[in-house]
N, C-alpha and C. Protein backbone atom coordinates (compact mmCIF):
# COMPACT_ATOMS: atom_id res chain seq x y z
N MET A 1 -8.46 157.28 189.13
CA MET A 1 -7.18 157.45 189.65
C MET A 1 -6.79 156.26 190.42
N LYS A 2 -5.62 155.66 190.24
CA LYS A 2 -5.21 154.52 191.00
C LYS A 2 -4.51 155.02 192.27
N ILE A 3 -4.63 154.19 193.30
CA ILE A 3 -4.14 154.54 194.59
C ILE A 3 -2.60 154.26 194.51
N TYR A 4 -2.12 153.35 193.78
CA TYR A 4 -0.76 153.04 193.67
C TYR A 4 -0.08 153.73 192.52
N THR A 5 1.14 154.22 192.69
CA THR A 5 1.88 154.91 191.63
C THR A 5 3.14 154.18 191.18
N LYS A 6 3.64 153.27 192.02
CA LYS A 6 4.89 152.56 191.86
C LYS A 6 6.14 153.43 191.90
N THR A 7 5.96 154.64 192.15
CA THR A 7 7.15 155.57 192.13
C THR A 7 7.99 155.43 193.41
N GLY A 8 7.42 154.76 194.41
CA GLY A 8 8.18 154.53 195.67
C GLY A 8 8.72 153.11 195.76
N ASP A 9 8.65 152.31 194.71
CA ASP A 9 9.10 150.97 194.82
C ASP A 9 10.55 150.79 195.09
N LYS A 10 11.33 151.79 194.80
CA LYS A 10 12.77 151.68 195.06
C LYS A 10 13.27 152.31 196.39
N GLY A 11 12.20 152.66 197.19
CA GLY A 11 12.61 153.19 198.60
C GLY A 11 12.72 154.71 198.67
N TYR A 12 12.25 155.38 197.61
CA TYR A 12 12.29 156.84 197.59
C TYR A 12 10.88 157.35 197.41
N THR A 13 10.67 158.59 197.85
CA THR A 13 9.39 159.22 197.73
C THR A 13 9.63 160.78 197.51
N SER A 14 8.60 161.47 197.07
CA SER A 14 8.71 162.89 196.75
C SER A 14 8.12 163.77 197.82
N LEU A 15 8.84 164.81 198.13
CA LEU A 15 8.28 165.84 199.01
C LEU A 15 7.47 166.78 198.20
N ILE A 16 6.58 167.60 198.77
CA ILE A 16 5.90 168.66 198.11
C ILE A 16 6.98 169.62 197.59
N GLY A 17 7.09 169.79 196.37
CA GLY A 17 8.12 170.61 195.73
C GLY A 17 8.96 169.74 194.76
N GLY A 18 8.80 168.44 194.83
CA GLY A 18 9.42 167.54 193.91
C GLY A 18 10.71 166.78 194.38
N THR A 19 11.28 167.32 195.43
CA THR A 19 12.53 166.69 195.91
C THR A 19 12.32 165.16 196.27
N ARG A 20 13.17 164.32 195.75
CA ARG A 20 13.07 162.88 196.04
C ARG A 20 14.02 162.59 197.25
N VAL A 21 13.44 161.89 198.19
CA VAL A 21 14.28 161.54 199.41
C VAL A 21 13.94 160.03 199.70
N ALA A 22 14.87 159.46 200.52
CA ALA A 22 14.67 158.11 200.95
C ALA A 22 13.50 158.03 201.85
N LYS A 23 12.77 156.94 201.89
CA LYS A 23 11.59 156.80 202.79
C LYS A 23 11.94 156.73 204.21
N HIS A 24 13.23 156.63 204.51
CA HIS A 24 13.66 156.65 205.95
C HIS A 24 14.22 158.00 206.28
N HIS A 25 14.11 158.99 205.38
CA HIS A 25 14.52 160.33 205.61
C HIS A 25 13.75 160.90 206.89
N LEU A 26 14.53 161.68 207.66
CA LEU A 26 13.96 162.22 208.92
C LEU A 26 12.71 163.03 208.61
N ARG A 27 12.57 163.69 207.49
CA ARG A 27 11.30 164.45 207.27
C ARG A 27 10.14 163.44 207.02
N ILE A 28 10.41 162.30 206.40
CA ILE A 28 9.36 161.30 206.12
C ILE A 28 8.99 160.66 207.45
N GLU A 29 9.98 160.39 208.27
CA GLU A 29 9.69 159.80 209.64
C GLU A 29 8.85 160.76 210.43
N SER A 30 9.11 161.99 210.30
CA SER A 30 8.43 163.05 211.08
C SER A 30 6.94 163.10 210.68
N TYR A 31 6.67 163.24 209.39
CA TYR A 31 5.22 163.38 209.06
C TYR A 31 4.56 161.99 209.06
N GLY A 32 5.33 160.95 208.94
CA GLY A 32 4.70 159.58 209.09
C GLY A 32 4.23 159.38 210.51
N THR A 33 5.08 159.83 211.46
CA THR A 33 4.69 159.73 212.88
C THR A 33 3.46 160.62 213.23
N VAL A 34 3.40 161.81 212.63
CA VAL A 34 2.28 162.65 212.80
C VAL A 34 0.97 161.95 212.29
N ASP A 35 1.15 161.29 211.11
CA ASP A 35 0.04 160.51 210.54
C ASP A 35 -0.44 159.31 211.48
N GLU A 36 0.56 158.66 212.01
CA GLU A 36 0.27 157.63 213.06
C GLU A 36 -0.53 158.18 214.22
N LEU A 37 -0.02 159.32 214.68
CA LEU A 37 -0.72 159.96 215.84
C LEU A 37 -2.16 160.33 215.45
N ASN A 38 -2.36 160.81 214.21
CA ASN A 38 -3.67 161.18 213.80
C ASN A 38 -4.60 160.03 213.80
N SER A 39 -4.07 158.83 213.38
CA SER A 39 -4.94 157.61 213.33
C SER A 39 -5.34 157.27 214.80
N TYR A 40 -4.44 157.36 215.77
CA TYR A 40 -4.83 157.05 217.13
C TYR A 40 -5.75 158.02 217.64
N ILE A 41 -5.77 159.34 217.25
CA ILE A 41 -6.75 160.27 217.76
C ILE A 41 -8.07 159.90 217.10
N GLY A 42 -8.02 159.41 215.92
CA GLY A 42 -9.35 158.88 215.31
C GLY A 42 -9.95 157.78 216.18
N LEU A 43 -9.05 156.90 216.65
CA LEU A 43 -9.52 155.77 217.51
C LEU A 43 -10.09 156.27 218.84
N ILE A 44 -9.50 157.41 219.42
CA ILE A 44 -10.04 157.97 220.67
C ILE A 44 -11.36 158.51 220.38
N ARG A 45 -11.50 159.22 219.16
CA ARG A 45 -12.80 159.77 218.81
C ARG A 45 -13.90 158.76 218.76
N ASP A 46 -13.56 157.55 218.39
CA ASP A 46 -14.56 156.47 218.27
C ASP A 46 -14.99 155.87 219.62
N GLN A 47 -14.45 156.36 220.69
CA GLN A 47 -14.74 155.86 222.02
C GLN A 47 -15.90 156.57 222.66
N ASP A 48 -16.22 156.11 223.82
CA ASP A 48 -17.34 156.81 224.60
C ASP A 48 -16.81 157.95 225.27
N ILE A 49 -16.69 159.08 224.61
CA ILE A 49 -16.30 160.39 225.19
C ILE A 49 -17.31 161.43 224.82
N THR A 50 -17.22 162.51 225.39
CA THR A 50 -18.27 163.60 225.21
C THR A 50 -18.22 164.14 223.77
N ALA A 51 -19.33 164.71 223.30
CA ALA A 51 -19.43 165.29 222.00
C ALA A 51 -18.45 166.46 221.85
N HIS A 52 -18.26 167.21 222.96
CA HIS A 52 -17.28 168.31 222.88
C HIS A 52 -15.83 167.75 222.62
N ASP A 53 -15.48 166.66 223.38
CA ASP A 53 -14.16 166.12 223.17
C ASP A 53 -13.94 165.57 221.76
N LYS A 54 -15.07 164.89 221.24
CA LYS A 54 -15.07 164.35 219.89
C LYS A 54 -14.76 165.50 218.85
N GLU A 55 -15.48 166.63 219.02
CA GLU A 55 -15.41 167.75 218.11
C GLU A 55 -13.99 168.36 218.23
N LEU A 56 -13.50 168.52 219.47
CA LEU A 56 -12.07 169.10 219.58
C LEU A 56 -11.11 168.16 218.91
N LEU A 57 -11.21 166.85 219.12
CA LEU A 57 -10.30 165.91 218.51
C LEU A 57 -10.33 165.87 217.02
N LYS A 58 -11.51 166.17 216.48
CA LYS A 58 -11.57 166.38 214.99
C LYS A 58 -10.86 167.65 214.56
N GLN A 59 -10.93 168.67 215.35
CA GLN A 59 -10.12 169.88 215.05
C GLN A 59 -8.56 169.54 215.14
N ILE A 60 -8.20 168.79 216.14
CA ILE A 60 -6.82 168.40 216.30
C ILE A 60 -6.36 167.61 215.06
N GLN A 61 -7.21 166.72 214.64
CA GLN A 61 -6.81 165.93 213.47
C GLN A 61 -6.62 166.83 212.25
N ASP A 62 -7.47 167.89 212.14
CA ASP A 62 -7.26 168.77 211.05
C ASP A 62 -5.93 169.51 211.24
N ARG A 63 -5.55 169.91 212.42
CA ARG A 63 -4.28 170.57 212.62
C ARG A 63 -3.10 169.65 212.32
N LEU A 64 -3.31 168.38 212.63
CA LEU A 64 -2.19 167.35 212.36
C LEU A 64 -2.07 167.21 210.80
N PHE A 65 -3.09 167.31 210.04
CA PHE A 65 -2.95 167.32 208.61
C PHE A 65 -2.29 168.53 208.18
N THR A 66 -2.49 169.66 208.77
CA THR A 66 -1.74 170.89 208.49
C THR A 66 -0.27 170.68 208.77
N ILE A 67 0.07 170.09 209.93
CA ILE A 67 1.46 169.85 210.32
C ILE A 67 2.08 168.87 209.33
N GLY A 68 1.35 167.83 208.99
CA GLY A 68 1.91 166.87 207.97
C GLY A 68 2.19 167.50 206.66
N SER A 69 1.35 168.43 206.20
CA SER A 69 1.61 169.15 204.98
C SER A 69 2.83 169.97 205.06
N SER A 70 3.04 170.64 206.18
CA SER A 70 4.21 171.49 206.41
C SER A 70 5.44 170.62 206.38
N LEU A 71 5.38 169.45 207.09
CA LEU A 71 6.54 168.65 207.13
C LEU A 71 6.87 167.89 205.84
N ALA A 72 5.81 167.67 205.01
CA ALA A 72 6.00 166.99 203.71
C ALA A 72 6.51 167.91 202.62
N SER A 73 6.65 169.18 202.99
CA SER A 73 7.05 170.21 201.95
C SER A 73 8.57 170.36 201.99
N ASP A 74 9.16 170.43 200.85
CA ASP A 74 10.54 170.84 200.79
C ASP A 74 10.63 172.38 201.02
N PRO A 75 11.26 172.75 202.14
CA PRO A 75 11.20 174.17 202.51
C PRO A 75 11.98 175.04 201.51
N GLU A 76 12.77 174.48 200.69
CA GLU A 76 13.60 175.29 199.69
C GLU A 76 12.96 175.27 198.30
N LYS A 77 12.09 174.32 198.02
CA LYS A 77 11.64 174.15 196.66
C LYS A 77 10.14 174.28 196.48
N SER A 78 9.38 174.02 197.48
CA SER A 78 7.93 173.99 197.40
C SER A 78 7.32 175.42 197.15
N LYS A 79 6.56 175.55 196.16
CA LYS A 79 5.85 176.78 195.94
C LYS A 79 4.34 176.67 196.28
N MET A 80 3.93 175.44 196.66
CA MET A 80 2.58 175.22 196.95
C MET A 80 2.20 175.94 198.26
N ILE A 81 1.00 176.52 198.26
CA ILE A 81 0.50 177.15 199.47
C ILE A 81 -0.19 176.07 200.29
N ILE A 82 0.31 175.89 201.50
CA ILE A 82 -0.25 174.89 202.42
C ILE A 82 -0.98 175.56 203.57
N PRO A 83 -1.86 174.88 204.26
CA PRO A 83 -2.53 175.51 205.49
C PRO A 83 -1.55 175.91 206.51
N ASP A 84 -1.84 176.83 207.34
CA ASP A 84 -0.91 177.33 208.34
C ASP A 84 -1.39 176.99 209.73
N LEU A 85 -0.46 176.81 210.54
CA LEU A 85 -0.78 176.55 211.98
C LEU A 85 -0.65 177.94 212.66
N HIS A 86 -1.52 178.17 213.62
CA HIS A 86 -1.51 179.45 214.32
C HIS A 86 -1.36 179.26 215.91
N MET A 87 -0.78 180.25 216.48
CA MET A 87 -0.66 180.17 217.97
C MET A 87 -1.96 180.07 218.64
N ALA A 88 -3.04 180.48 217.99
CA ALA A 88 -4.42 180.29 218.52
C ALA A 88 -4.72 178.82 218.69
N ASP A 89 -4.11 177.97 217.77
CA ASP A 89 -4.31 176.49 217.94
C ASP A 89 -3.69 175.94 219.16
N VAL A 90 -2.51 176.48 219.52
CA VAL A 90 -1.78 176.06 220.75
C VAL A 90 -2.62 176.62 221.94
N GLU A 91 -3.10 177.84 221.88
CA GLU A 91 -3.86 178.44 223.00
C GLU A 91 -5.13 177.68 223.24
N LEU A 92 -5.77 177.21 222.13
CA LEU A 92 -6.97 176.40 222.35
C LEU A 92 -6.66 175.12 223.19
N LEU A 93 -5.58 174.46 222.94
CA LEU A 93 -5.22 173.30 223.71
C LEU A 93 -5.04 173.72 225.15
N GLU A 94 -4.35 174.84 225.39
CA GLU A 94 -4.13 175.29 226.79
C GLU A 94 -5.40 175.67 227.49
N GLN A 95 -6.32 176.31 226.79
CA GLN A 95 -7.65 176.58 227.41
C GLN A 95 -8.39 175.37 227.78
N GLU A 96 -8.37 174.36 226.88
CA GLU A 96 -9.06 173.03 227.06
C GLU A 96 -8.46 172.34 228.29
N MET A 97 -7.08 172.35 228.42
CA MET A 97 -6.46 171.69 229.56
C MET A 97 -6.79 172.46 230.89
N ASP A 98 -6.82 173.75 230.85
CA ASP A 98 -7.19 174.48 232.07
C ASP A 98 -8.64 174.15 232.45
N ALA A 99 -9.49 174.03 231.56
CA ALA A 99 -10.89 173.70 231.83
C ALA A 99 -11.07 172.33 232.43
N MET A 100 -10.30 171.37 231.84
CA MET A 100 -10.35 170.01 232.36
C MET A 100 -9.71 169.97 233.74
N ASN A 101 -8.60 170.60 233.91
CA ASN A 101 -7.92 170.50 235.20
C ASN A 101 -8.81 171.14 236.35
N GLU A 102 -9.68 172.05 236.06
CA GLU A 102 -10.56 172.57 237.09
C GLU A 102 -11.48 171.49 237.67
N GLN A 103 -11.76 170.49 236.86
CA GLN A 103 -12.64 169.45 237.24
C GLN A 103 -11.96 168.26 237.83
N LEU A 104 -10.64 168.15 237.78
CA LEU A 104 -9.85 167.03 238.14
C LEU A 104 -9.26 167.20 239.52
N PRO A 105 -8.96 166.02 240.18
CA PRO A 105 -8.28 166.14 241.45
C PRO A 105 -6.83 166.61 241.20
N GLU A 106 -6.20 167.10 242.21
CA GLU A 106 -4.81 167.60 242.03
C GLU A 106 -3.95 166.35 241.73
N LEU A 107 -2.99 166.58 240.86
CA LEU A 107 -2.09 165.50 240.42
C LEU A 107 -0.97 165.43 241.42
N ARG A 108 -0.92 164.29 242.12
CA ARG A 108 0.18 164.14 243.16
C ARG A 108 1.12 162.99 242.94
N HIS A 109 0.78 162.19 241.88
CA HIS A 109 1.63 161.05 241.56
C HIS A 109 1.79 161.01 240.05
N PHE A 110 2.80 160.22 239.66
CA PHE A 110 2.85 159.84 238.23
C PHE A 110 1.69 158.83 238.00
N ILE A 111 1.17 158.81 236.77
CA ILE A 111 0.06 157.97 236.45
C ILE A 111 0.57 156.89 235.45
N LEU A 112 0.31 155.58 235.79
CA LEU A 112 0.62 154.53 234.89
C LEU A 112 -0.56 154.47 233.86
N PRO A 113 -0.18 154.23 232.53
CA PRO A 113 -1.28 154.11 231.58
C PRO A 113 -2.14 152.97 231.84
N GLY A 114 -3.45 153.06 231.51
CA GLY A 114 -4.38 151.98 231.69
C GLY A 114 -5.55 152.36 232.53
N GLY A 115 -6.54 151.53 232.60
CA GLY A 115 -7.72 151.70 233.30
C GLY A 115 -8.97 151.42 232.46
N SER A 116 -8.89 151.71 231.17
CA SER A 116 -9.85 151.40 230.17
C SER A 116 -9.24 151.50 228.78
N ASN A 117 -9.93 151.04 227.82
CA ASN A 117 -9.38 151.15 226.43
C ASN A 117 -9.19 152.62 226.07
N THR A 118 -10.21 153.45 226.37
CA THR A 118 -10.08 154.90 226.03
C THR A 118 -8.89 155.49 226.69
N ILE A 119 -8.74 155.29 227.99
CA ILE A 119 -7.62 155.86 228.69
C ILE A 119 -6.29 155.39 228.07
N SER A 120 -6.23 154.07 227.82
CA SER A 120 -5.01 153.58 227.21
C SER A 120 -4.75 154.14 225.78
N PHE A 121 -5.75 154.32 225.03
CA PHE A 121 -5.57 154.93 223.72
C PHE A 121 -5.06 156.37 223.85
N CYS A 122 -5.53 157.10 224.89
CA CYS A 122 -5.05 158.49 225.06
C CYS A 122 -3.57 158.44 225.40
N HIS A 123 -3.10 157.47 226.19
CA HIS A 123 -1.72 157.33 226.56
C HIS A 123 -0.90 156.96 225.37
N ILE A 124 -1.36 156.05 224.55
CA ILE A 124 -0.64 155.67 223.36
C ILE A 124 -0.47 156.84 222.46
N ALA A 125 -1.53 157.59 222.21
CA ALA A 125 -1.42 158.77 221.38
C ALA A 125 -0.43 159.78 222.01
N ARG A 126 -0.48 159.93 223.28
CA ARG A 126 0.45 160.84 223.98
C ARG A 126 1.88 160.39 223.70
N CYS A 127 2.22 159.13 223.68
CA CYS A 127 3.56 158.66 223.51
C CYS A 127 3.96 158.87 222.07
N ILE A 128 3.06 158.61 221.09
CA ILE A 128 3.31 158.85 219.68
C ILE A 128 3.53 160.32 219.42
N CYS A 129 2.74 161.13 220.15
CA CYS A 129 2.93 162.62 219.99
C CYS A 129 4.34 163.01 220.48
N ARG A 130 4.75 162.48 221.58
CA ARG A 130 6.07 162.80 222.04
C ARG A 130 7.17 162.31 221.06
N ARG A 131 6.95 161.16 220.47
CA ARG A 131 7.93 160.73 219.43
C ARG A 131 7.93 161.70 218.20
N ALA A 132 6.70 162.12 217.76
CA ALA A 132 6.65 163.01 216.72
C ALA A 132 7.33 164.28 217.01
N GLU A 133 7.20 164.81 218.22
CA GLU A 133 7.88 166.03 218.70
C GLU A 133 9.44 165.75 218.65
N ARG A 134 9.90 164.67 219.19
CA ARG A 134 11.38 164.41 219.19
C ARG A 134 11.86 164.44 217.76
N LEU A 135 11.15 163.78 216.83
CA LEU A 135 11.53 163.69 215.47
C LEU A 135 11.59 165.09 214.77
N THR A 136 10.54 165.99 215.04
CA THR A 136 10.50 167.23 214.43
C THR A 136 11.55 168.20 215.06
N VAL A 137 11.84 168.04 216.33
CA VAL A 137 12.89 168.84 216.96
C VAL A 137 14.25 168.54 216.31
N ASN A 138 14.48 167.16 216.06
CA ASN A 138 15.68 166.67 215.39
C ASN A 138 15.74 167.28 214.03
N LEU A 139 14.60 167.20 213.28
CA LEU A 139 14.55 167.70 211.91
C LEU A 139 14.85 169.22 211.87
N ALA A 140 14.37 169.90 212.84
CA ALA A 140 14.60 171.33 212.86
C ALA A 140 16.15 171.68 213.04
N GLN A 141 16.90 170.70 213.55
CA GLN A 141 18.39 170.95 213.64
C GLN A 141 19.06 170.97 212.29
N GLU A 142 18.45 170.33 211.28
CA GLU A 142 19.08 170.24 209.93
C GLU A 142 18.27 170.92 208.80
N SER A 143 17.05 171.27 209.11
CA SER A 143 16.19 171.83 208.07
C SER A 143 15.22 172.81 208.63
N THR A 144 14.46 173.42 207.78
CA THR A 144 13.49 174.38 208.29
C THR A 144 12.22 173.66 208.73
N VAL A 145 11.79 173.96 209.99
CA VAL A 145 10.52 173.48 210.49
C VAL A 145 9.91 174.67 211.18
N ASP A 146 8.61 174.85 210.92
CA ASP A 146 7.84 175.93 211.63
C ASP A 146 7.92 175.71 213.06
N GLU A 147 8.40 176.65 213.89
CA GLU A 147 8.53 176.49 215.31
C GLU A 147 7.16 176.16 215.99
N LYS A 148 6.12 176.67 215.38
CA LYS A 148 4.75 176.34 215.94
C LYS A 148 4.45 174.89 215.91
N VAL A 149 5.03 174.08 214.99
CA VAL A 149 4.88 172.68 214.96
C VAL A 149 5.37 171.98 216.17
N ASN A 150 6.50 172.33 216.63
CA ASN A 150 7.06 171.75 217.88
C ASN A 150 6.30 172.15 219.14
N ILE A 151 5.93 173.39 219.15
CA ILE A 151 5.13 173.93 220.28
C ILE A 151 3.78 173.21 220.29
N TYR A 152 3.12 173.08 219.13
CA TYR A 152 1.86 172.43 219.13
C TYR A 152 1.93 171.01 219.59
N LEU A 153 2.93 170.26 219.10
CA LEU A 153 3.09 168.85 219.44
C LEU A 153 3.34 168.76 220.91
N ASN A 154 4.21 169.64 221.49
CA ASN A 154 4.47 169.61 222.91
C ASN A 154 3.13 169.77 223.72
N ARG A 155 2.35 170.78 223.33
CA ARG A 155 1.12 171.02 224.06
C ARG A 155 0.11 169.90 223.82
N LEU A 156 0.13 169.33 222.65
CA LEU A 156 -0.82 168.26 222.33
C LEU A 156 -0.61 167.03 223.24
N SER A 157 0.66 166.71 223.54
CA SER A 157 0.87 165.58 224.41
C SER A 157 0.42 165.82 225.79
N ASP A 158 0.53 167.05 226.26
CA ASP A 158 0.04 167.47 227.55
C ASP A 158 -1.55 167.34 227.52
N TYR A 159 -2.12 167.75 226.45
CA TYR A 159 -3.59 167.67 226.27
C TYR A 159 -4.02 166.21 226.34
N LEU A 160 -3.40 165.37 225.69
CA LEU A 160 -3.77 163.92 225.64
C LEU A 160 -3.62 163.24 226.98
N PHE A 161 -2.65 163.68 227.74
CA PHE A 161 -2.54 163.16 229.15
C PHE A 161 -3.67 163.69 230.01
N THR A 162 -3.96 164.94 229.89
CA THR A 162 -5.04 165.51 230.62
C THR A 162 -6.45 164.94 230.25
N LEU A 163 -6.55 164.67 228.98
CA LEU A 163 -7.77 163.98 228.45
C LEU A 163 -7.88 162.60 229.11
N SER A 164 -6.83 161.90 229.15
CA SER A 164 -6.85 160.55 229.80
C SER A 164 -7.33 160.66 231.20
N ARG A 165 -6.95 161.67 231.96
CA ARG A 165 -7.34 161.80 233.38
C ARG A 165 -8.86 162.15 233.36
N LYS A 166 -9.27 163.04 232.46
CA LYS A 166 -10.71 163.44 232.42
C LYS A 166 -11.61 162.24 232.12
N VAL A 167 -11.16 161.37 231.17
CA VAL A 167 -11.95 160.25 230.86
C VAL A 167 -12.08 159.27 232.08
N ALA A 168 -10.94 159.14 232.78
CA ALA A 168 -11.01 158.34 234.01
C ALA A 168 -11.98 158.89 234.99
N ASN A 169 -11.92 160.22 235.21
CA ASN A 169 -12.75 160.88 236.18
C ASN A 169 -14.15 160.70 235.79
N GLU A 170 -14.54 161.00 234.50
CA GLU A 170 -15.88 160.91 234.06
C GLU A 170 -16.51 159.49 234.20
N HIS A 171 -15.68 158.52 234.08
CA HIS A 171 -16.14 157.10 234.14
C HIS A 171 -15.84 156.48 235.50
N ASN A 172 -15.54 157.29 236.50
CA ASN A 172 -15.25 156.82 237.82
C ASN A 172 -14.23 155.68 237.87
N ILE A 173 -13.20 155.85 237.08
CA ILE A 173 -12.10 154.83 237.03
C ILE A 173 -10.97 155.35 237.81
N PRO A 174 -10.53 154.68 238.86
CA PRO A 174 -9.38 155.19 239.62
C PRO A 174 -8.12 155.31 238.77
N GLU A 175 -7.37 156.39 239.03
CA GLU A 175 -6.12 156.56 238.32
C GLU A 175 -5.09 155.48 238.78
N ASN A 176 -4.37 155.01 237.83
CA ASN A 176 -3.36 154.05 238.13
C ASN A 176 -2.08 154.76 238.63
N GLN A 177 -2.03 155.10 239.89
CA GLN A 177 -0.90 155.86 240.48
C GLN A 177 0.41 155.01 240.57
N TRP A 178 1.46 155.55 240.17
CA TRP A 178 2.72 154.94 240.32
C TRP A 178 3.28 155.29 241.72
N ILE A 179 3.41 154.27 242.57
CA ILE A 179 3.98 154.38 243.90
C ILE A 179 5.29 153.61 243.85
N PRO A 180 6.44 154.28 243.77
CA PRO A 180 7.69 153.56 243.63
C PRO A 180 8.06 152.74 244.82
N ARG A 181 8.67 151.60 244.58
CA ARG A 181 9.21 150.76 245.72
C ARG A 181 10.40 151.46 246.27
N ILE A 182 10.47 151.50 247.55
CA ILE A 182 11.66 152.15 248.19
C ILE A 182 12.25 151.10 249.18
């Protein structure tokens, strides 16, 4: 099987279900951004983090493929059964954040990204996650989007922020607190 098909050479691609849309279509932007996020999460997994965090990030990557499949489907034409996102996936992120927050100092300032590569990668992934969320919220205004997708992305960006703080704490890296000039 060849990796290239040449079917997108004119700037169009197919959704699951066969509908052809422009490659700049909001649905394509949405799942493309989720794919970008997934790549950054892979980069975080390659860093010096705990085995538990690596395993959870692998599960998150799986959920992001689920989200990508959902977003890549034409909600009116696709008959393909795709994996489903569950509220338990959202709850897992919440439980993980609660556990991390028990070990972290109280958050009293905004945090500037940086401190180490791993921390910075977490912040980049958080920003991409927020962009993915904005895109899917926008898409939901014009088409069907599973509401759990937006909830998951919202919670995932919070998780990535909390993970950045946990990594800093574990490696004794001071948080980059933003102290505004007055």
